[in-house]
Amino acid sequence: MKTKHGIKVAVIGGGSSYTPELVEGLLKSYEEMPVAELWLVDIEEGKHKLEIVGNLAKRMVKKSGLPIEVHLTLDRRKRLRMPISSQHRSA
């Protein structure tokens, strides 16, 4: 999904050990594919891993200095169907 200043990327299985590598790739290719929002989505059983990996992703983005918002959620249906402007109000 494209936003006003970049794209929105949703990672299903965001608590995966592969997610930091994906985040690194998004950071390295920011000029070619500017990401405005990164949504890491997982299931309730993966909540602990999502928090660990999600916090690492947030630190990676912060260190890069790029204007990417990182969000963590267990509710994939709600987050994937809502318009971005609505998500900001309900987050």
Protein backbone atom coordinates (compact mmCIF):
# COMPACT_ATOMS: atom_id res chain seq x y z
CA MET A 1 0.00 0.00 0.00
CA LYS A 2 1.40 3.40 -0.98
CA THR A 3 1.24 6.33 1.43
CA LYS A 4 1.81 10.01 0.72
CA HIS A 5 5.53 9.73 1.52
CA GLY A 6 6.30 6.07 0.88
CA ILE A 7 4.87 2.60 1.08
CA LYS A 8 3.37 0.58 3.87
CA VAL A 9 4.90 -2.86 4.39
CA ALA A 10 3.21 -5.54 6.47
CA VAL A 11 5.25 -8.57 7.54
CA ILE A 12 3.10 -11.54 8.51
CA GLY A 13 5.15 -13.57 10.97
CA GLY A 14 6.94 -10.43 12.15
CA GLY A 15 8.41 -12.21 15.17
CA SER A 16 10.49 -14.44 12.89
CA SER A 17 14.26 -14.60 13.18
CA TYR A 18 14.34 -13.58 9.49
CA THR A 19 12.70 -10.21 10.17
CA PRO A 20 15.90 -8.31 11.12
CA GLU A 21 17.43 -9.33 7.79
CA LEU A 22 14.33 -8.06 6.00
CA VAL A 23 14.50 -4.77 7.94
CA GLU A 24 18.16 -4.40 7.00
CA GLY A 25 17.25 -4.85 3.33
CA LEU A 26 14.48 -2.26 3.57
CA LEU A 27 16.88 0.22 5.17
CA LYS A 28 19.55 -0.36 2.53
CA SER A 29 17.08 0.04 -0.33
CA TYR A 30 15.21 3.04 1.12
CA GLU A 31 16.15 5.37 -1.76
CA GLU A 32 14.69 2.97 -4.34
CA MET A 33 11.73 1.88 -2.20
CA PRO A 34 10.92 4.41 0.52
CA VAL A 35 9.00 2.73 3.32
CA ALA A 36 6.85 5.02 5.47
CA GLU A 37 5.37 2.35 7.73
CA LEU A 38 6.52 -1.13 8.68
CA TRP A 39 3.89 -3.31 10.35
CA LEU A 40 5.15 -6.46 12.06
CA VAL A 41 2.23 -8.83 12.52
CA ASP A 42 2.16 -12.13 14.40
CA ILE A 43 -0.21 -14.43 16.25
CA GLU A 44 -0.88 -14.45 19.99
CA GLU A 45 1.42 -17.44 20.48
CA GLY A 46 4.24 -15.42 18.90
CA LYS A 47 3.71 -12.31 21.04
CA HIS A 48 6.94 -12.67 23.05
CA LYS A 49 9.07 -13.14 19.93
CA LEU A 50 7.26 -10.28 18.18
CA GLU A 51 8.12 -7.96 21.05
CA ILE A 52 11.80 -8.98 21.00
CA VAL A 53 12.22 -8.82 17.22
CA GLY A 54 10.00 -5.75 16.95
CA ASN A 55 12.06 -3.81 19.47
CA LEU A 56 15.21 -4.79 17.58
CA ALA A 57 13.61 -3.53 14.35
CA LYS A 58 12.71 -0.24 16.05
CA ARG A 59 16.33 0.19 17.22
CA MET A 60 17.62 -0.58 13.72
CA VAL A 61 15.33 2.03 12.17
CA LYS A 62 16.19 4.61 14.83
CA LYS A 63 19.91 4.08 14.27
CA SER A 64 19.45 4.50 10.51
CA GLY A 65 17.85 7.91 10.99
CA LEU A 66 15.24 7.15 8.32
CA PRO A 67 11.64 8.36 8.80
CA ILE A 68 10.05 4.90 9.09
CA GLU A 69 7.34 4.13 11.64
CA VAL A 70 7.51 0.60 13.06
CA HIS A 71 4.32 -0.90 14.48
CA LEU A 72 3.74 -4.24 16.19
CA THR A 73 0.35 -5.93 16.21
CA LEU A 74 -1.37 -9.25 16.80
CA ASP A 75 -4.47 -8.17 14.86
CA ARG A 76 -3.64 -8.72 11.19
CA ARG A 77 -7.19 -8.43 9.87
CA LYS A 78 -7.83 -5.03 11.43
CA ARG A 79 -4.47 -3.53 10.47
CA LEU A 80 -4.35 -4.81 6.91
CA ARG A 81 -7.79 -3.56 5.88
CA MET A 82 -7.83 -0.13 7.56
CA PRO A 83 -6.81 2.96 5.61
CA ILE A 84 -3.59 4.47 6.88
CA SER A 85 -5.28 7.64 8.13
CA SER A 86 -7.62 5.50 10.29
CA GLN A 87 -4.74 3.44 11.64
CA HIS A 88 -3.02 6.52 13.01
CA ARG A 89 -6.13 7.49 14.92
CA SER A 90 -6.77 4.03 16.37
CA ALA A 91 -3.21 2.87 17.10
